[in-house]
Amino acid sequence: MSTASTETWGQMWLPLCPWPLTICSRAFYRTSRHNALDVRYIEANPQSLSNLLVVDIDHPDAAHAACGTEKPWQPNAVVENPANGHAHAVWALAEPVTRTEYARRKPLAYAAAVTEGLRRSVDGGKGYSGLITKNPTHEQWEASWLTDHLYNLDELTEHLTVSDFMPPDSWQRTKRKNPVGLGRNCTLFETVRWDVYRVCVPSGSATNTPRPEDRHDLKQRSSICARRVTEFSEALPASEIRATIRSFYKWITTRYTGWLDSRTTSEEKSAAYHRNTGRQGGLKGGIASAKLAARPPASALWRQSAMATRERIPVMG
């Protein structure tokens, strides 16, 4: 690997105390950047940021799939295993995506969708989490540096959409058995939030402001919900789980307007909701009943069919 390529990787790779992984021990332990660069596998992104989107291409022609055609979204680097042809394709972002408790969910979901589009564009593996990647500075791998351009998510989305690789909006709402990468954060949010909403509505309707027991109950149930949905193939770090729970708690107790409703107001809203639901169901049922009533009886249909058949059959005699 040339000196220029080493400097380029040093600028793109952000972790200060990364997780290196040795094949012999299969053990994670944090170490310095300098020591991590001597190991074959390293942590791709810091704990709080994601600026490298990594796709695992687990078939023998990985290098050709990643850089064989002139794509406007070519990866910055392709790190190949010469023994089997498998490789990691790495795209570097100009602006990292934040994963702390102060992070917004939409950029995380956006980055997860873009990563899925990149995976589809190179026929990458679905089960790769993006946590650990091949170290391009290690002598065992063959690293190809294609561009030093730093992408942004909108730019990648435009290219992937034109080429029909970008997943549809419904992809983000699809429940998956084994979510990976940034998709784990989105799955955690989408799964837990409905349980949290159910908790806060009955708790907040009793008084005009959240009570101490309401806050404690919300925190406790949020923790239970988060633990229940984090049994991923590669679990989220505990810090990201705690950050998600704190985000739920902070938003609901500071911005949720249900705390301002008295018990009477909440009951009126609930009754209005059920009346509207029943009215819609009645309208649909009435339309279906009218269509059914307009149809002739089954006996009449049978007689018409029998007469038509009799007319088509010649009388033998």
C-alpha atoms as a PDB file:
ATOM      1  CA  MET A   1       0.000   0.000   0.000  1.00  0.00           C
ATOM      2  CA  SER A   2       1.445   3.365  -1.018  1.00  0.00           C
ATOM      3  CA  THR A   3       2.118   6.216   1.379  1.00  0.00           C
ATOM      4  CA  ALA A   4      -0.577   8.338  -0.278  1.00  0.00           C
ATOM      5  CA  SER A   5      -3.148   5.570   0.162  1.00  0.00           C
ATOM      6  CA  THR A   6      -2.163   5.168   3.798  1.00  0.00           C
ATOM      7  CA  GLU A   7      -2.664   8.882   4.374  1.00  0.00           C
ATOM      8  CA  THR A   8      -6.038   8.766   2.622  1.00  0.00           C
ATOM      9  CA  TRP A   9      -7.200   5.917   4.842  1.00  0.00           C
ATOM     10  CA  GLY A  10      -5.918   7.733   7.913  1.00  0.00           C
ATOM     11  CA  GLN A  11      -8.116  10.715   7.048  1.00  0.00           C
ATOM     12  CA  MET A  12     -11.244   8.656   6.321  1.00  0.00           C
ATOM     13  CA  TRP A  13     -10.935   6.276   9.261  1.00  0.00           C
ATOM     14  CA  LEU A  14     -12.115   8.063  12.430  1.00  0.00           C
ATOM     15  CA  PRO A  15     -11.986   5.688  15.468  1.00  0.00           C
ATOM     16  CA  LEU A  16      -9.504   6.771  18.147  1.00  0.00           C
ATOM     17  CA  CYS A  17      -9.663   3.598  20.260  1.00  0.00           C
ATOM     18  CA  PRO A  18     -11.004   0.988  17.829  1.00  0.00           C
ATOM     19  CA  TRP A  19     -11.808  -2.670  18.217  1.00  0.00           C
ATOM     20  CA  PRO A  20      -9.250  -4.799  16.393  1.00  0.00           C
ATOM     21  CA  LEU A  21     -10.059  -8.464  15.807  1.00  0.00           C
ATOM     22  CA  THR A  22      -7.493 -11.209  15.544  1.00  0.00           C
ATOM     23  CA  ILE A  23      -8.495 -14.439  13.815  1.00  0.00           C
ATOM     24  CA  CYS A  24      -6.655 -16.541  16.386  1.00  0.00           C
ATOM     25  CA  SER A  25      -8.399 -15.228  19.480  1.00  0.00           C
ATOM     26  CA  ARG A  26     -11.715 -14.016  17.996  1.00  0.00           C
ATOM     27  CA  ALA A  27     -11.693 -11.504  20.844  1.00  0.00           C
ATOM     28  CA  PHE A  28     -12.575  -7.806  20.949  1.00  0.00           C
ATOM     29  CA  TYR A  29     -10.507  -5.366  22.934  1.00  0.00           C
ATOM     30  CA  ARG A  30     -10.029  -1.655  22.453  1.00  0.00           C
ATOM     31  CA  THR A  31      -6.593  -0.368  21.581  1.00  0.00           C
ATOM     32  CA  SER A  32      -4.917   2.650  20.014  1.00  0.00           C
ATOM     33  CA  ARG A  33      -5.155   3.567  16.334  1.00  0.00           C
ATOM     34  CA  HIS A  34      -1.463   2.840  15.854  1.00  0.00           C
ATOM     35  CA  ASN A  35      -1.725  -0.700  17.224  1.00  0.00           C
ATOM     36  CA  ALA A  36      -5.005  -1.408  15.426  1.00  0.00           C
ATOM     37  CA  LEU A  37      -3.429  -0.788  12.020  1.00  0.00           C
ATOM     38  CA  ASP A  38      -1.272  -3.887  12.525  1.00  0.00           C
ATOM     39  CA  VAL A  39      -4.351  -6.157  12.725  1.00  0.00           C
ATOM     40  CA  ARG A  40      -6.275  -7.621   9.787  1.00  0.00           C
ATOM     41  CA  TYR A  41      -9.766  -6.652  10.971  1.00  0.00           C
ATOM     42  CA  ILE A  42     -10.653  -3.337  12.610  1.00  0.00           C
ATOM     43  CA  GLU A  43     -13.715  -1.399  13.719  1.00  0.00           C
ATOM     44  CA  ALA A  44     -15.048   0.624  10.788  1.00  0.00           C
ATOM     45  CA  ASN A  45     -16.624   3.574  12.629  1.00  0.00           C
ATOM     46  CA  PRO A  46     -16.459   5.223  16.055  1.00  0.00           C
ATOM     47  CA  GLN A  47     -19.178   4.513  18.611  1.00  0.00           C
ATOM     48  CA  SER A  48     -20.998   7.805  18.051  1.00  0.00           C
ATOM     49  CA  LEU A  49     -20.524   8.377  14.297  1.00  0.00           C
ATOM     50  CA  SER A  50     -20.775   6.554  10.984  1.00  0.00           C
ATOM     51  CA  ASN A  51     -18.825   8.047   8.107  1.00  0.00           C
ATOM     52  CA  LEU A  52     -17.884   4.789   6.344  1.00  0.00           C
ATOM     53  CA  LEU A  53     -20.572   2.727   4.613  1.00  0.00           C
ATOM     54  CA  VAL A  54     -19.154  -0.771   4.174  1.00  0.00           C
ATOM     55  CA  VAL A  55     -20.642  -3.590   2.088  1.00  0.00           C
ATOM     56  CA  ASP A  56     -19.450  -7.197   2.248  1.00  0.00           C
ATOM     57  CA  ILE A  57     -19.239  -8.847  -1.195  1.00  0.00           C
ATOM     58  CA  ASP A  58     -18.923 -12.557  -0.513  1.00  0.00           C
ATOM     59  CA  HIS A  59     -18.441 -14.049  -3.972  1.00  0.00           C
ATOM     60  CA  PRO A  60     -15.246 -14.687  -5.992  1.00  0.00           C
ATOM     61  CA  ASP A  61     -15.683 -11.779  -8.435  1.00  0.00           C
ATOM     62  CA  ALA A  62     -16.169  -9.166  -5.717  1.00  0.00           C
ATOM     63  CA  ALA A  63     -13.614  -6.736  -7.142  1.00  0.00           C
ATOM     64  CA  HIS A  64     -15.280  -6.808 -10.562  1.00  0.00           C
ATOM     65  CA  ALA A  65     -18.734  -6.296  -9.016  1.00  0.00           C
ATOM     66  CA  ALA A  66     -17.513  -3.278  -7.056  1.00  0.00           C
ATOM     67  CA  CYS A  67     -15.339  -1.500  -9.612  1.00  0.00           C
ATOM     68  CA  GLY A  68     -15.593  -3.419 -12.887  1.00  0.00           C
ATOM     69  CA  THR A  69     -18.097  -1.019 -14.444  1.00  0.00           C
ATOM     70  CA  GLU A  70     -17.945   2.760 -14.589  1.00  0.00           C
ATOM     71  CA  LYS A  71     -20.458   3.684 -11.916  1.00  0.00           C
ATOM     72  CA  PRO A  72     -20.849   7.280 -10.739  1.00  0.00           C
ATOM     73  CA  TRP A  73     -20.951   5.937  -7.164  1.00  0.00           C
ATOM     74  CA  GLN A  74     -17.769   3.869  -7.199  1.00  0.00           C
ATOM     75  CA  PRO A  75     -16.480   2.988  -3.722  1.00  0.00           C
ATOM     76  CA  ASN A  76     -13.508   4.833  -2.332  1.00  0.00           C
ATOM     77  CA  ALA A  77     -11.744   1.562  -1.621  1.00  0.00           C
ATOM     78  CA  VAL A  78     -12.161  -2.148  -2.305  1.00  0.00           C
ATOM     79  CA  VAL A  79     -10.272  -4.380   0.133  1.00  0.00           C
ATOM     80  CA  GLU A  80      -9.994  -7.872  -1.344  1.00  0.00           C
ATOM     81  CA  ASN A  81      -8.955 -11.214   0.059  1.00  0.00           C
ATOM     82  CA  PRO A  82      -6.708 -12.684  -2.688  1.00  0.00           C
ATOM     83  CA  ALA A  83      -7.309 -16.207  -1.393  1.00  0.00           C
ATOM     84  CA  ASN A  84     -11.015 -16.326  -2.297  1.00  0.00           C
ATOM     85  CA  GLY A  85     -11.817 -13.070  -4.096  1.00  0.00           C
ATOM     86  CA  HIS A  86     -14.200 -11.805  -1.408  1.00  0.00           C
ATOM     87  CA  ALA A  87     -13.957  -8.110  -0.582  1.00  0.00           C
ATOM     88  CA  HIS A  88     -15.256  -5.172   1.422  1.00  0.00           C
ATOM     89  CA  ALA A  89     -16.353  -2.096  -0.551  1.00  0.00           C
ATOM     90  CA  VAL A  90     -16.034   1.171   1.391  1.00  0.00           C
ATOM     91  CA  TRP A  91     -17.806   4.468   0.694  1.00  0.00           C
ATOM     92  CA  ALA A  92     -16.711   7.528   2.700  1.00  0.00           C
ATOM     93  CA  LEU A  93     -19.178  10.281   3.635  1.00  0.00           C
ATOM     94  CA  ALA A  94     -18.339  13.977   3.753  1.00  0.00           C
ATOM     95  CA  GLU A  95     -20.637  14.421   6.781  1.00  0.00           C
ATOM     96  CA  PRO A  96     -20.821  11.556   9.305  1.00  0.00           C
ATOM     97  CA  VAL A  97     -24.177  10.285  10.558  1.00  0.00           C
ATOM     98  CA  THR A  98     -24.562  10.756  14.316  1.00  0.00           C
ATOM     99  CA  ARG A  99     -25.618   7.788  16.466  1.00  0.00           C
ATOM    100  CA  THR A 100     -25.697   9.375  19.938  1.00  0.00           C
ATOM    101  CA  GLU A 101     -28.746  10.184  22.078  1.00  0.00           C
ATOM    102  CA  TYR A 102     -28.892  13.598  20.409  1.00  0.00           C
ATOM    103  CA  ALA A 103     -29.087  12.072  16.944  1.00  0.00           C
ATOM    104  CA  ARG A 104     -32.225  12.339  14.858  1.00  0.00           C
ATOM    105  CA  ARG A 105     -33.787   9.111  13.646  1.00  0.00           C
ATOM    106  CA  LYS A 106     -34.418  10.173  10.039  1.00  0.00           C
ATOM    107  CA  PRO A 107     -30.723  10.520   9.076  1.00  0.00           C
ATOM    108  CA  LEU A 108     -30.068   7.068  10.554  1.00  0.00           C
ATOM    109  CA  ALA A 109     -32.935   5.553   8.568  1.00  0.00           C
ATOM    110  CA  TYR A 110     -31.756   7.427   5.480  1.00  0.00           C
ATOM    111  CA  ALA A 111     -28.199   6.103   5.847  1.00  0.00           C
ATOM    112  CA  ALA A 112     -29.514   2.564   6.386  1.00  0.00           C
ATOM    113  CA  ALA A 113     -31.556   2.782   3.172  1.00  0.00           C
ATOM    114  CA  VAL A 114     -28.569   4.132   1.209  1.00  0.00           C
ATOM    115  CA  THR A 115     -26.400   1.300   2.532  1.00  0.00           C
ATOM    116  CA  GLU A 116     -29.039  -1.181   1.375  1.00  0.00           C
ATOM    117  CA  GLY A 117     -28.992   0.433  -2.072  1.00  0.00           C
ATOM    118  CA  LEU A 118     -25.202   0.152  -2.232  1.00  0.00           C
ATOM    119  CA  ARG A 119     -25.450  -3.496  -1.203  1.00  0.00           C
ATOM    120  CA  ARG A 120     -27.909  -4.201  -4.004  1.00  0.00           C
ATOM    121  CA  SER A 121     -25.734  -2.394  -6.546  1.00  0.00           C
ATOM    122  CA  VAL A 122     -22.796  -4.752  -5.932  1.00  0.00           C
ATOM    123  CA  ASP A 123     -24.783  -7.872  -4.949  1.00  0.00           C
ATOM    124  CA  GLY A 124     -23.391  -7.792  -1.426  1.00  0.00           C
ATOM    125  CA  GLY A 125     -24.231 -10.064   1.483  1.00  0.00           C
ATOM    126  CA  LYS A 126     -27.338  -9.319   3.556  1.00  0.00           C
ATOM    127  CA  GLY A 127     -26.051 -10.454   6.933  1.00  0.00           C
ATOM    128  CA  TYR A 128     -23.066  -8.118   7.268  1.00  0.00           C
ATOM    129  CA  SER A 129     -23.412  -5.619  10.135  1.00  0.00           C
ATOM    130  CA  GLY A 130     -20.682  -3.164   9.104  1.00  0.00           C
ATOM    131  CA  LEU A 131     -19.068  -3.186  12.548  1.00  0.00           C
ATOM    132  CA  ILE A 132     -15.744  -4.814  11.596  1.00  0.00           C
ATOM    133  CA  THR A 133     -14.026  -4.346   8.243  1.00  0.00           C
ATOM    134  CA  LYS A 134     -10.858  -5.513   6.534  1.00  0.00           C
ATOM    135  CA  ASN A 135      -7.900  -3.270   7.330  1.00  0.00           C
ATOM    136  CA  PRO A 136      -6.728  -1.920   3.931  1.00  0.00           C
ATOM    137  CA  THR A 137      -3.243  -1.224   5.293  1.00  0.00           C
ATOM    138  CA  HIS A 138      -2.635  -4.869   6.224  1.00  0.00           C
ATOM    139  CA  GLU A 139      -0.340  -6.852   3.959  1.00  0.00           C
ATOM    140  CA  GLN A 140      -2.706  -9.829   3.722  1.00  0.00           C
ATOM    141  CA  TRP A 141      -5.309  -7.851   1.749  1.00  0.00           C
ATOM    142  CA  GLU A 142      -5.164  -6.258  -1.683  1.00  0.00           C
ATOM    143  CA  ALA A 143      -6.585  -2.737  -1.470  1.00  0.00           C
ATOM    144  CA  SER A 144      -7.722  -0.858  -4.583  1.00  0.00           C
ATOM    145  CA  TRP A 145      -8.257   2.885  -4.204  1.00  0.00           C
ATOM    146  CA  LEU A 146     -10.705   4.182  -6.800  1.00  0.00           C
ATOM    147  CA  THR A 147     -11.488   7.735  -5.725  1.00  0.00           C
ATOM    148  CA  ASP A 148     -10.836  10.220  -2.944  1.00  0.00           C
ATOM    149  CA  HIS A 149     -14.227  11.892  -3.417  1.00  0.00           C
ATOM    150  CA  LEU A 150     -16.308  12.123  -0.243  1.00  0.00           C
ATOM    151  CA  TYR A 151     -19.962  11.397  -0.932  1.00  0.00           C
ATOM    152  CA  ASN A 152     -23.104  12.725   0.687  1.00  0.00           C
ATOM    153  CA  LEU A 153     -26.276  10.711   1.161  1.00  0.00           C
ATOM    154  CA  ASP A 154     -28.336  12.752  -1.300  1.00  0.00           C
ATOM    155  CA  GLU A 155     -25.732  12.244  -4.015  1.00  0.00           C
ATOM    156  CA  LEU A 156     -25.642   8.488  -3.520  1.00  0.00           C
ATOM    157  CA  THR A 157     -29.435   8.346  -3.380  1.00  0.00           C
ATOM    158  CA  GLU A 158     -29.743  10.145  -6.715  1.00  0.00           C
ATOM    159  CA  HIS A 159     -27.358   7.737  -8.471  1.00  0.00           C
ATOM    160  CA  LEU A 160     -28.914   4.640  -6.911  1.00  0.00           C
ATOM    161  CA  THR A 161     -32.461   5.778  -7.691  1.00  0.00           C
ATOM    162  CA  VAL A 162     -31.662   6.395 -11.359  1.00  0.00           C
ATOM    163  CA  SER A 163     -30.165   2.894 -11.600  1.00  0.00           C
ATOM    164  CA  ASP A 164     -33.125   1.365  -9.694  1.00  0.00           C
ATOM    165  CA  PHE A 165     -31.031   0.093  -6.783  1.00  0.00           C
ATOM    166  CA  MET A 166     -32.478   2.313  -4.057  1.00  0.00           C
ATOM    167  CA  PRO A 167     -35.009   0.419  -1.903  1.00  0.00           C
ATOM    168  CA  PRO A 168     -38.590   1.780  -1.777  1.00  0.00           C
ATOM    169  CA  ASP A 169     -39.902   3.739   1.197  1.00  0.00           C
ATOM    170  CA  SER A 170     -41.783   0.662   2.394  1.00  0.00           C
ATOM    171  CA  TRP A 171     -38.438  -1.098   2.919  1.00  0.00           C
ATOM    172  CA  GLN A 172     -37.811   0.954   6.063  1.00  0.00           C
ATOM    173  CA  ARG A 173     -41.138  -0.124   7.560  1.00  0.00           C
ATOM    174  CA  THR A 174     -40.600  -3.820   6.864  1.00  0.00           C
ATOM    175  CA  LYS A 175     -39.949  -5.915   9.963  1.00  0.00           C
ATOM    176  CA  ARG A 176     -36.866  -8.095   9.630  1.00  0.00           C
ATOM    177  CA  LYS A 177     -35.844 -11.109  11.647  1.00  0.00           C
ATOM    178  CA  ASN A 178     -32.142 -10.228  11.636  1.00  0.00           C
ATOM    179  CA  PRO A 179     -31.609  -6.486  11.064  1.00  0.00           C
ATOM    180  CA  VAL A 180     -27.967  -5.451  10.688  1.00  0.00           C
ATOM    181  CA  GLY A 181     -25.883  -2.297  10.547  1.00  0.00           C
ATOM    182  CA  LEU A 182     -27.687   1.025  10.892  1.00  0.00           C
ATOM    183  CA  GLY A 183     -30.926  -0.873  10.281  1.00  0.00           C
ATOM    184  CA  ARG A 184     -30.729  -2.147  13.853  1.00  0.00           C
ATOM    185  CA  ASN A 185     -31.180   1.397  15.201  1.00  0.00           C
ATOM    186  CA  CYS A 186     -34.234   1.906  12.990  1.00  0.00           C
ATOM    187  CA  THR A 187     -35.741  -1.450  13.987  1.00  0.00           C
ATOM    188  CA  LEU A 188     -35.200  -0.654  17.657  1.00  0.00           C
ATOM    189  CA  PHE A 189     -36.947   2.700  17.291  1.00  0.00           C
ATOM    190  CA  GLU A 190     -39.875   1.448  15.212  1.00  0.00           C
ATOM    191  CA  THR A 191     -40.517  -1.539  17.492  1.00  0.00           C
ATOM    192  CA  VAL A 192     -40.198   0.170  20.851  1.00  0.00           C
ATOM    193  CA  ARG A 193     -41.993   3.424  20.136  1.00  0.00           C
ATOM    194  CA  TRP A 194     -45.458   1.870  19.860  1.00  0.00           C
ATOM    195  CA  ASP A 195     -45.072   0.179  23.244  1.00  0.00           C
ATOM    196  CA  VAL A 196     -43.911   3.469  24.750  1.00  0.00           C
ATOM    197  CA  TYR A 197     -46.886   5.346  23.287  1.00  0.00           C
ATOM    198  CA  ARG A 198     -49.274   2.814  24.826  1.00  0.00           C
ATOM    199  CA  VAL A 199     -47.611   3.364  28.202  1.00  0.00           C
ATOM    200  CA  CYS A 200     -47.736   7.148  28.185  1.00  0.00           C
ATOM    201  CA  VAL A 201     -51.364   7.552  27.087  1.00  0.00           C
ATOM    202  CA  PRO A 202     -53.053   5.920  30.115  1.00  0.00           C
ATOM    203  CA  SER A 203     -50.417   7.285  32.494  1.00  0.00           C
ATOM    204  CA  GLY A 204     -50.691  10.882  31.358  1.00  0.00           C
ATOM    205  CA  SER A 205     -54.479  11.041  31.118  1.00  0.00           C
ATOM    206  CA  ALA A 206     -54.983  10.960  34.883  1.00  0.00           C
ATOM    207  CA  THR A 207     -53.393  14.360  35.604  1.00  0.00           C
ATOM    208  CA  ASN A 208     -52.469  17.521  33.764  1.00  0.00           C
ATOM    209  CA  THR A 209     -48.732  16.922  34.214  1.00  0.00           C
ATOM    210  CA  PRO A 210     -46.603  13.768  34.317  1.00  0.00           C
ATOM    211  CA  ARG A 211     -46.249  12.435  37.829  1.00  0.00           C
ATOM    212  CA  PRO A 212     -42.982  10.997  39.233  1.00  0.00           C
ATOM    213  CA  GLU A 213     -44.461   7.508  39.064  1.00  0.00           C
ATOM    214  CA  ASP A 214     -45.358   8.117  35.411  1.00  0.00           C
ATOM    215  CA  ARG A 215     -41.749   8.976  34.594  1.00  0.00           C
ATOM    216  CA  HIS A 216     -40.436   5.945  36.474  1.00  0.00           C
ATOM    217  CA  ASP A 217     -42.968   3.645  34.803  1.00  0.00           C
ATOM    218  CA  LEU A 218     -42.127   5.009  31.367  1.00  0.00           C
ATOM    219  CA  LYS A 219     -38.391   4.525  31.892  1.00  0.00           C
ATOM    220  CA  GLN A 220     -38.846   1.011  33.253  1.00  0.00           C
ATOM    221  CA  ARG A 221     -41.162  -0.179  30.491  1.00  0.00           C
ATOM    222  CA  SER A 222     -39.000   1.426  27.807  1.00  0.00           C
ATOM    223  CA  SER A 223     -36.002  -0.509  29.105  1.00  0.00           C
ATOM    224  CA  ILE A 224     -37.986  -3.752  29.025  1.00  0.00           C
ATOM    225  CA  CYS A 225     -39.145  -3.083  25.465  1.00  0.00           C
ATOM    226  CA  ALA A 226     -35.631  -2.257  24.307  1.00  0.00           C
ATOM    227  CA  ARG A 227     -34.189  -5.424  25.799  1.00  0.00           C
ATOM    228  CA  ARG A 228     -36.889  -7.500  24.150  1.00  0.00           C
ATOM    229  CA  VAL A 229     -36.153  -6.290  20.614  1.00  0.00           C
ATOM    230  CA  THR A 230     -32.374  -6.198  20.726  1.00  0.00           C
ATOM    231  CA  GLU A 231     -31.783  -9.895  20.236  1.00  0.00           C
ATOM    232  CA  PHE A 232     -30.168  -9.229  16.882  1.00  0.00           C
ATOM    233  CA  SER A 233     -27.589 -11.476  15.279  1.00  0.00           C
ATOM    234  CA  GLU A 234     -25.098  -8.776  16.292  1.00  0.00           C
ATOM    235  CA  ALA A 235     -26.518  -6.762  19.176  1.00  0.00           C
ATOM    236  CA  LEU A 236     -26.398  -2.998  19.401  1.00  0.00           C
ATOM    237  CA  PRO A 237     -23.941  -1.506  21.891  1.00  0.00           C
ATOM    238  CA  ALA A 238     -25.519  -0.817  25.270  1.00  0.00           C
ATOM    239  CA  SER A 239     -24.763   2.885  24.877  1.00  0.00           C
ATOM    240  CA  GLU A 240     -26.944   3.136  21.749  1.00  0.00           C
ATOM    241  CA  ILE A 241     -29.794   1.275  23.461  1.00  0.00           C
ATOM    242  CA  ARG A 242     -29.647   3.650  26.431  1.00  0.00           C
ATOM    243  CA  ALA A 243     -29.533   6.621  24.064  1.00  0.00           C
ATOM    244  CA  THR A 244     -32.699   5.448  22.306  1.00  0.00           C
ATOM    245  CA  ILE A 245     -34.536   4.992  25.607  1.00  0.00           C
ATOM    246  CA  ARG A 246     -33.465   8.454  26.794  1.00  0.00           C
ATOM    247  CA  SER A 247     -34.682   9.944  23.528  1.00  0.00           C
ATOM    248  CA  PHE A 248     -38.129   8.375  23.992  1.00  0.00           C
ATOM    249  CA  TYR A 249     -38.343   9.524  27.589  1.00  0.00           C
ATOM    250  CA  LYS A 250     -37.170  13.066  26.843  1.00  0.00           C
ATOM    251  CA  TRP A 251     -39.514  13.584  23.892  1.00  0.00           C
ATOM    252  CA  ILE A 252     -42.628  12.196  25.579  1.00  0.00           C
ATOM    253  CA  THR A 253     -42.157  14.015  28.885  1.00  0.00           C
ATOM    254  CA  THR A 254     -41.281  17.378  27.301  1.00  0.00           C
ATOM    255  CA  ARG A 255     -43.167  17.504  23.986  1.00  0.00           C
ATOM    256  CA  TYR A 256     -46.029  15.022  24.296  1.00  0.00           C
ATOM    257  CA  THR A 257     -49.284  17.054  24.486  1.00  0.00           C
ATOM    258  CA  GLY A 258     -51.271  14.251  26.087  1.00  0.00           C
ATOM    259  CA  TRP A 259     -50.042  15.339  29.512  1.00  0.00           C
ATOM    260  CA  LEU A 260     -52.144  18.519  29.116  1.00  0.00           C
ATOM    261  CA  ASP A 261     -55.391  16.605  28.661  1.00  0.00           C
ATOM    262  CA  SER A 262     -57.586  15.972  31.661  1.00  0.00           C
ATOM    263  CA  ARG A 263     -59.257  12.613  32.173  1.00  0.00           C
ATOM    264  CA  THR A 264     -62.541  13.979  30.761  1.00  0.00           C
ATOM    265  CA  THR A 265     -60.834  15.281  27.624  1.00  0.00           C
ATOM    266  CA  SER A 266     -59.050  11.971  27.067  1.00  0.00           C
ATOM    267  CA  GLU A 267     -62.309  10.049  27.459  1.00  0.00           C
ATOM    268  CA  GLU A 268     -64.045  12.368  24.982  1.00  0.00           C
ATOM    269  CA  LYS A 269     -61.249  11.900  22.436  1.00  0.00           C
ATOM    270  CA  SER A 270     -61.392   8.128  22.885  1.00  0.00           C
ATOM    271  CA  ALA A 271     -65.183   8.085  22.465  1.00  0.00           C
ATOM    272  CA  ALA A 272     -64.953  10.249  19.326  1.00  0.00           C
ATOM    273  CA  TYR A 273     -62.333   7.918  17.881  1.00  0.00           C
ATOM    274  CA  HIS A 274     -64.496   4.840  18.459  1.00  0.00           C
ATOM    275  CA  ARG A 275     -67.591   6.582  17.037  1.00  0.00           C
ATOM    276  CA  ASN A 276     -65.685   7.511  13.890  1.00  0.00           C
ATOM    277  CA  THR A 277     -64.297   3.981  13.539  1.00  0.00           C
ATOM    278  CA  GLY A 278     -67.764   2.483  13.945  1.00  0.00           C
ATOM    279  CA  ARG A 279     -69.237   4.924  11.432  1.00  0.00           C
ATOM    280  CA  GLN A 280     -66.636   3.986   8.834  1.00  0.00           C
ATOM    281  CA  GLY A 281     -67.237   0.298   9.462  1.00  0.00           C
ATOM    282  CA  GLY A 282     -70.985   0.825   9.130  1.00  0.00           C
ATOM    283  CA  LEU A 283     -70.589   2.620   5.819  1.00  0.00           C
ATOM    284  CA  LYS A 284     -68.440  -0.164   4.425  1.00  0.00           C
ATOM    285  CA  GLY A 285     -70.843  -2.787   5.725  1.00  0.00           C
ATOM    286  CA  GLY A 286     -73.830  -0.931   4.239  1.00  0.00           C
ATOM    287  CA  ILE A 287     -72.230  -0.747   0.811  1.00  0.00           C
ATOM    288  CA  ALA A 288     -71.419  -4.452   0.893  1.00  0.00           C
ATOM    289  CA  SER A 289     -74.963  -5.289   2.018  1.00  0.00           C
ATOM    290  CA  ALA A 290     -76.464  -3.176  -0.768  1.00  0.00           C
ATOM    291  CA  LYS A 291     -74.381  -4.959  -3.384  1.00  0.00           C
ATOM    292  CA  LEU A 292     -75.411  -8.306  -1.955  1.00  0.00           C
ATOM    293  CA  ALA A 293     -79.088  -7.334  -1.916  1.00  0.00           C
ATOM    294  CA  ALA A 294     -78.962  -6.214  -5.549  1.00  0.00           C
ATOM    295  CA  ARG A 295     -77.881  -9.659  -6.666  1.00  0.00           C
ATOM    296  CA  PRO A 296     -80.690 -12.058  -7.659  1.00  0.00           C
ATOM    297  CA  PRO A 297     -81.269 -15.078  -5.413  1.00  0.00           C
ATOM    298  CA  ALA A 298     -79.121 -18.140  -5.947  1.00  0.00           C
ATOM    299  CA  SER A 299     -82.163 -20.169  -7.049  1.00  0.00           C
ATOM    300  CA  ALA A 300     -82.896 -17.686  -9.839  1.00  0.00           C
ATOM    301  CA  LEU A 301     -79.302 -17.815 -11.017  1.00  0.00           C
ATOM    302  CA  TRP A 302     -79.467 -21.628 -11.045  1.00  0.00           C
ATOM    303  CA  ARG A 303     -82.692 -21.635 -13.096  1.00  0.00           C
ATOM    304  CA  GLN A 304     -81.225 -19.180 -15.620  1.00  0.00           C
ATOM    305  CA  SER A 305     -78.112 -21.317 -15.988  1.00  0.00           C
ATOM    306  CA  ALA A 306     -80.161 -24.495 -16.417  1.00  0.00           C
ATOM    307  CA  MET A 307     -82.381 -22.919 -19.080  1.00  0.00           C
ATOM    308  CA  ALA A 308     -79.383 -21.617 -21.006  1.00  0.00           C
ATOM    309  CA  THR A 309     -77.795 -25.071 -20.945  1.00  0.00           C
ATOM    310  CA  ARG A 310     -81.040 -26.700 -22.126  1.00  0.00           C
ATOM    311  CA  GLU A 311     -81.266 -24.329 -25.077  1.00  0.00           C
ATOM    312  CA  ARG A 312     -77.724 -25.217 -26.186  1.00  0.00           C
ATOM    313  CA  ILE A 313     -78.360 -29.010 -26.091  1.00  0.00           C
ATOM    314  CA  PRO A 314     -80.343 -30.289 -29.137  1.00  0.00           C
ATOM    315  CA  VAL A 315     -83.395 -32.390 -28.444  1.00  0.00           C
ATOM    316  CA  MET A 316     -82.813 -36.023 -29.439  1.00  0.00           C
ATOM    317  CA  GLY A 317     -85.774 -37.840 -30.893  1.00  0.00           C
END
